[in-house]
Amino acid sequence: MTKPARKQRLSVYLDPAVMNRLAEHAARRDQSRSLIAEAAIESFLSPDAAERQEAAITKRLDQVDRRMTRLERDVGISVEMLAVFVRFWLATTPTLPEPAAQAARAKAGERYDAFITALGRRLAKGPKLRQEISEDATMSNRLNELSDSRE
């Protein structure tokens, strides 16, 4: 009968933080640090390690892609909202004679400060425009469906 091959000793130097994490992980699993280290090295050296890393990277890239898509949507909504507002404002605001224009400029500073304060409050705690738009669109679609079904 032949004896099984004896494990070989390897001495490595680990950063104290890594050593602490290794010790904590081994304690949680009720296994030796040596066994945990051996499993980690085997996993790192196995041929499918590259595939797992690629899968993890692909997953992260997909998440980034979804976030970018939402960001593009939000920026598009912001640009359209600004364009609609400017068009509406230009179409409905008459030019003022000079004495009234001076008073309007003075009042504009106060109104701008109030606008900035309200915007800050809304950004800090209020619902986001994209939430309101999707909720408004959903509600509008439901109302349209109800009115169509009654006809």
C-alpha atoms as a PDB file:
ATOM      1  CA  MET A   1       0.000   0.000   0.000  1.00  0.00           C
ATOM      2  CA  THR A   2       1.339   3.458  -0.930  1.00  0.00           C
ATOM      3  CA  LYS A   3       0.998   6.447   1.288  1.00  0.00           C
ATOM      4  CA  PRO A   4      -0.980   9.405  -0.053  1.00  0.00           C
ATOM      5  CA  ALA A   5       1.195  12.315  -1.128  1.00  0.00           C
ATOM      6  CA  ARG A   6       1.877  14.583   1.750  1.00  0.00           C
ATOM      7  CA  LYS A   7       0.882  18.239   1.402  1.00  0.00           C
ATOM      8  CA  GLN A   8       3.720  20.650   0.919  1.00  0.00           C
ATOM      9  CA  ARG A   9       4.294  23.661   3.092  1.00  0.00           C
ATOM     10  CA  LEU A  10       4.134  27.189   1.669  1.00  0.00           C
ATOM     11  CA  SER A  11       5.043  30.255   3.630  1.00  0.00           C
ATOM     12  CA  VAL A  12       3.530  33.537   2.471  1.00  0.00           C
ATOM     13  CA  TYR A  13       3.423  37.064   3.786  1.00  0.00           C
ATOM     14  CA  LEU A  14      -0.006  38.659   3.961  1.00  0.00           C
ATOM     15  CA  ASP A  15      -1.046  42.186   4.636  1.00  0.00           C
ATOM     16  CA  PRO A  16      -2.499  42.407   8.182  1.00  0.00           C
ATOM     17  CA  ALA A  17      -5.933  43.360   6.828  1.00  0.00           C
ATOM     18  CA  VAL A  18      -5.973  40.345   4.490  1.00  0.00           C
ATOM     19  CA  MET A  19      -4.810  38.086   7.300  1.00  0.00           C
ATOM     20  CA  ASN A  20      -7.619  39.366   9.545  1.00  0.00           C
ATOM     21  CA  ARG A  21     -10.217  38.734   6.834  1.00  0.00           C
ATOM     22  CA  LEU A  22      -8.807  35.247   6.265  1.00  0.00           C
ATOM     23  CA  ALA A  23      -8.934  34.458   9.978  1.00  0.00           C
ATOM     24  CA  GLU A  24     -12.490  35.810  10.318  1.00  0.00           C
ATOM     25  CA  HIS A  25     -13.671  33.837   7.292  1.00  0.00           C
ATOM     26  CA  ALA A  26     -12.049  30.647   8.565  1.00  0.00           C
ATOM     27  CA  ALA A  27     -13.627  31.141  12.002  1.00  0.00           C
ATOM     28  CA  ARG A  28     -17.087  31.694  10.503  1.00  0.00           C
ATOM     29  CA  ARG A  29     -16.746  28.502   8.459  1.00  0.00           C
ATOM     30  CA  ASP A  30     -15.138  26.610  11.344  1.00  0.00           C
ATOM     31  CA  GLN A  31     -12.258  25.602   9.098  1.00  0.00           C
ATOM     32  CA  SER A  32      -8.527  26.176   9.161  1.00  0.00           C
ATOM     33  CA  ARG A  33      -6.929  29.203   7.557  1.00  0.00           C
ATOM     34  CA  SER A  34      -4.738  26.833   5.581  1.00  0.00           C
ATOM     35  CA  LEU A  35      -7.770  25.091   4.075  1.00  0.00           C
ATOM     36  CA  ILE A  36      -9.415  28.414   3.163  1.00  0.00           C
ATOM     37  CA  ALA A  37      -6.172  29.688   1.597  1.00  0.00           C
ATOM     38  CA  GLU A  38      -5.738  26.449  -0.353  1.00  0.00           C
ATOM     39  CA  ALA A  39      -9.305  26.681  -1.706  1.00  0.00           C
ATOM     40  CA  ALA A  40      -8.791  30.322  -2.672  1.00  0.00           C
ATOM     41  CA  ILE A  41      -5.533  29.563  -4.495  1.00  0.00           C
ATOM     42  CA  GLU A  42      -7.122  26.583  -6.261  1.00  0.00           C
ATOM     43  CA  SER A  43     -10.057  28.739  -7.332  1.00  0.00           C
ATOM     44  CA  PHE A  44      -7.719  31.461  -8.580  1.00  0.00           C
ATOM     45  CA  LEU A  45      -5.633  28.977 -10.580  1.00  0.00           C
ATOM     46  CA  SER A  46      -8.540  26.972 -12.006  1.00  0.00           C
ATOM     47  CA  PRO A  47      -9.281  27.380 -15.717  1.00  0.00           C
ATOM     48  CA  ASP A  48     -12.789  28.685 -15.068  1.00  0.00           C
ATOM     49  CA  ALA A  49     -11.513  31.565 -12.920  1.00  0.00           C
ATOM     50  CA  ALA A  50     -11.149  33.701 -16.042  1.00  0.00           C
ATOM     51  CA  GLU A  51     -14.704  32.856 -17.060  1.00  0.00           C
ATOM     52  CA  ARG A  52     -16.028  33.864 -13.642  1.00  0.00           C
ATOM     53  CA  GLN A  53     -14.107  37.123 -13.805  1.00  0.00           C
ATOM     54  CA  GLU A  54     -15.450  37.791 -17.277  1.00  0.00           C
ATOM     55  CA  ALA A  55     -19.004  37.087 -16.094  1.00  0.00           C
ATOM     56  CA  ALA A  56     -18.564  39.474 -13.165  1.00  0.00           C
ATOM     57  CA  ILE A  57     -17.189  42.184 -15.445  1.00  0.00           C
ATOM     58  CA  THR A  58     -20.000  41.632 -17.933  1.00  0.00           C
ATOM     59  CA  LYS A  59     -22.559  41.957 -15.149  1.00  0.00           C
ATOM     60  CA  ARG A  60     -21.007  45.224 -13.999  1.00  0.00           C
ATOM     61  CA  LEU A  61     -20.898  46.572 -17.556  1.00  0.00           C
ATOM     62  CA  ASP A  62     -24.576  45.721 -17.975  1.00  0.00           C
ATOM     63  CA  GLN A  63     -25.362  47.658 -14.805  1.00  0.00           C
ATOM     64  CA  VAL A  64     -23.361  50.639 -16.072  1.00  0.00           C
ATOM     65  CA  ASP A  65     -25.170  50.430 -19.412  1.00  0.00           C
ATOM     66  CA  ARG A  66     -28.580  50.499 -17.693  1.00  0.00           C
ATOM     67  CA  ARG A  67     -27.535  53.479 -15.590  1.00  0.00           C
ATOM     68  CA  MET A  68     -26.282  55.314 -18.685  1.00  0.00           C
ATOM     69  CA  THR A  69     -29.565  54.616 -20.465  1.00  0.00           C
ATOM     70  CA  ARG A  70     -31.513  56.088 -17.534  1.00  0.00           C
ATOM     71  CA  LEU A  71     -29.166  59.071 -17.463  1.00  0.00           C
ATOM     72  CA  GLU A  72     -29.671  59.703 -21.195  1.00  0.00           C
ATOM     73  CA  ARG A  73     -33.437  59.517 -20.660  1.00  0.00           C
ATOM     74  CA  ASP A  74     -33.309  61.954 -17.746  1.00  0.00           C
ATOM     75  CA  VAL A  75     -31.142  64.427 -19.667  1.00  0.00           C
ATOM     76  CA  GLY A  76     -33.487  64.162 -22.655  1.00  0.00           C
ATOM     77  CA  ILE A  77     -36.473  64.935 -20.429  1.00  0.00           C
ATOM     78  CA  SER A  78     -34.625  67.918 -18.936  1.00  0.00           C
ATOM     79  CA  VAL A  79     -33.723  69.344 -22.333  1.00  0.00           C
ATOM     80  CA  GLU A  80     -37.268  68.922 -23.665  1.00  0.00           C
ATOM     81  CA  MET A  81     -38.728  70.471 -20.515  1.00  0.00           C
ATOM     82  CA  LEU A  82     -36.444  73.470 -20.816  1.00  0.00           C
ATOM     83  CA  ALA A  83     -37.256  73.892 -24.505  1.00  0.00           C
ATOM     84  CA  VAL A  84     -41.017  73.757 -23.848  1.00  0.00           C
ATOM     85  CA  PHE A  85     -40.702  76.256 -21.014  1.00  0.00           C
ATOM     86  CA  VAL A  86     -38.598  78.712 -23.033  1.00  0.00           C
ATOM     87  CA  ARG A  87     -40.954  78.495 -26.022  1.00  0.00           C
ATOM     88  CA  PHE A  88     -43.973  79.051 -23.758  1.00  0.00           C
ATOM     89  CA  TRP A  89     -42.287  81.907 -21.915  1.00  0.00           C
ATOM     90  CA  LEU A  90     -41.227  83.665 -25.118  1.00  0.00           C
ATOM     91  CA  ALA A  91     -44.691  83.272 -26.620  1.00  0.00           C
ATOM     92  CA  THR A  92     -46.596  84.590 -23.602  1.00  0.00           C
ATOM     93  CA  THR A  93     -44.353  87.289 -22.110  1.00  0.00           C
ATOM     94  CA  PRO A  94     -44.848  90.741 -23.639  1.00  0.00           C
ATOM     95  CA  THR A  95     -42.018  93.265 -23.647  1.00  0.00           C
ATOM     96  CA  LEU A  96     -42.392  95.946 -20.986  1.00  0.00           C
ATOM     97  CA  PRO A  97     -41.957  99.700 -21.268  1.00  0.00           C
ATOM     98  CA  GLU A  98     -38.726 100.947 -19.635  1.00  0.00           C
ATOM     99  CA  PRO A  99     -40.108 102.107 -16.236  1.00  0.00           C
ATOM    100  CA  ALA A 100     -41.961  98.823 -15.780  1.00  0.00           C
ATOM    101  CA  ALA A 101     -38.919  96.879 -17.009  1.00  0.00           C
ATOM    102  CA  GLN A 102     -36.755  98.355 -14.232  1.00  0.00           C
ATOM    103  CA  ALA A 103     -39.301  97.362 -11.573  1.00  0.00           C
ATOM    104  CA  ALA A 104     -39.562  93.877 -13.129  1.00  0.00           C
ATOM    105  CA  ARG A 105     -35.768  93.438 -12.995  1.00  0.00           C
ATOM    106  CA  ALA A 106     -35.787  94.340  -9.308  1.00  0.00           C
ATOM    107  CA  LYS A 107     -38.591  91.863  -8.616  1.00  0.00           C
ATOM    108  CA  ALA A 108     -36.826  89.206 -10.747  1.00  0.00           C
ATOM    109  CA  GLY A 109     -33.977  88.988  -8.222  1.00  0.00           C
ATOM    110  CA  GLU A 110     -36.406  88.182  -5.409  1.00  0.00           C
ATOM    111  CA  ARG A 111     -38.285  85.663  -7.523  1.00  0.00           C
ATOM    112  CA  TYR A 112     -35.017  84.002  -8.621  1.00  0.00           C
ATOM    113  CA  ASP A 113     -33.909  83.601  -4.997  1.00  0.00           C
ATOM    114  CA  ALA A 114     -37.274  82.031  -4.152  1.00  0.00           C
ATOM    115  CA  PHE A 115     -36.912  79.702  -7.163  1.00  0.00           C
ATOM    116  CA  ILE A 116     -33.431  78.562  -6.063  1.00  0.00           C
ATOM    117  CA  THR A 117     -34.703  77.925  -2.531  1.00  0.00           C
ATOM    118  CA  ALA A 118     -37.647  75.878  -3.815  1.00  0.00           C
ATOM    119  CA  LEU A 119     -35.378  73.937  -6.186  1.00  0.00           C
ATOM    120  CA  GLY A 120     -32.977  73.132  -3.361  1.00  0.00           C
ATOM    121  CA  ARG A 121     -35.839  71.887  -1.180  1.00  0.00           C
ATOM    122  CA  ARG A 122     -37.210  69.731  -3.976  1.00  0.00           C
ATOM    123  CA  LEU A 123     -33.831  68.207  -4.822  1.00  0.00           C
ATOM    124  CA  ALA A 124     -33.226  67.446  -1.158  1.00  0.00           C
ATOM    125  CA  LYS A 125     -36.481  65.666  -0.396  1.00  0.00           C
ATOM    126  CA  GLY A 126     -39.172  66.005  -3.033  1.00  0.00           C
ATOM    127  CA  PRO A 127     -40.191  63.600  -5.770  1.00  0.00           C
ATOM    128  CA  LYS A 128     -38.046  63.697  -8.883  1.00  0.00           C
ATOM    129  CA  LEU A 129     -39.476  64.955 -12.164  1.00  0.00           C
ATOM    130  CA  ARG A 130     -38.877  61.608 -13.862  1.00  0.00           C
ATOM    131  CA  GLN A 131     -41.042  59.946 -11.193  1.00  0.00           C
ATOM    132  CA  GLU A 132     -43.830  62.463 -11.707  1.00  0.00           C
ATOM    133  CA  ILE A 133     -43.664  62.117 -15.479  1.00  0.00           C
ATOM    134  CA  SER A 134     -43.892  58.347 -15.399  1.00  0.00           C
ATOM    135  CA  GLU A 135     -46.696  58.517 -12.807  1.00  0.00           C
ATOM    136  CA  ASP A 136     -48.535  61.201 -14.809  1.00  0.00           C
ATOM    137  CA  ALA A 137     -48.132  59.224 -18.034  1.00  0.00           C
ATOM    138  CA  THR A 138     -49.402  56.045 -16.375  1.00  0.00           C
ATOM    139  CA  MET A 139     -52.377  57.866 -14.877  1.00  0.00           C
ATOM    140  CA  SER A 140     -53.119  59.578 -18.214  1.00  0.00           C
ATOM    141  CA  ASN A 141     -53.025  56.225 -20.039  1.00  0.00           C
ATOM    142  CA  ARG A 142     -55.394  54.685 -17.478  1.00  0.00           C
ATOM    143  CA  LEU A 143     -57.820  57.592 -17.779  1.00  0.00           C
ATOM    144  CA  ASN A 144     -57.734  57.327 -21.570  1.00  0.00           C
ATOM    145  CA  GLU A 145     -58.399  53.586 -21.369  1.00  0.00           C
ATOM    146  CA  LEU A 146     -61.338  54.183 -19.030  1.00  0.00           C
ATOM    147  CA  SER A 147     -62.872  56.833 -21.250  1.00  0.00           C
ATOM    148  CA  ASP A 148     -62.393  54.615 -24.337  1.00  0.00           C
ATOM    149  CA  SER A 149     -64.100  51.682 -22.636  1.00  0.00           C
ATOM    150  CA  ARG A 150     -67.123  53.816 -21.673  1.00  0.00           C
ATOM    151  CA  GLU A 151     -67.732  54.963 -25.230  1.00  0.00           C
END
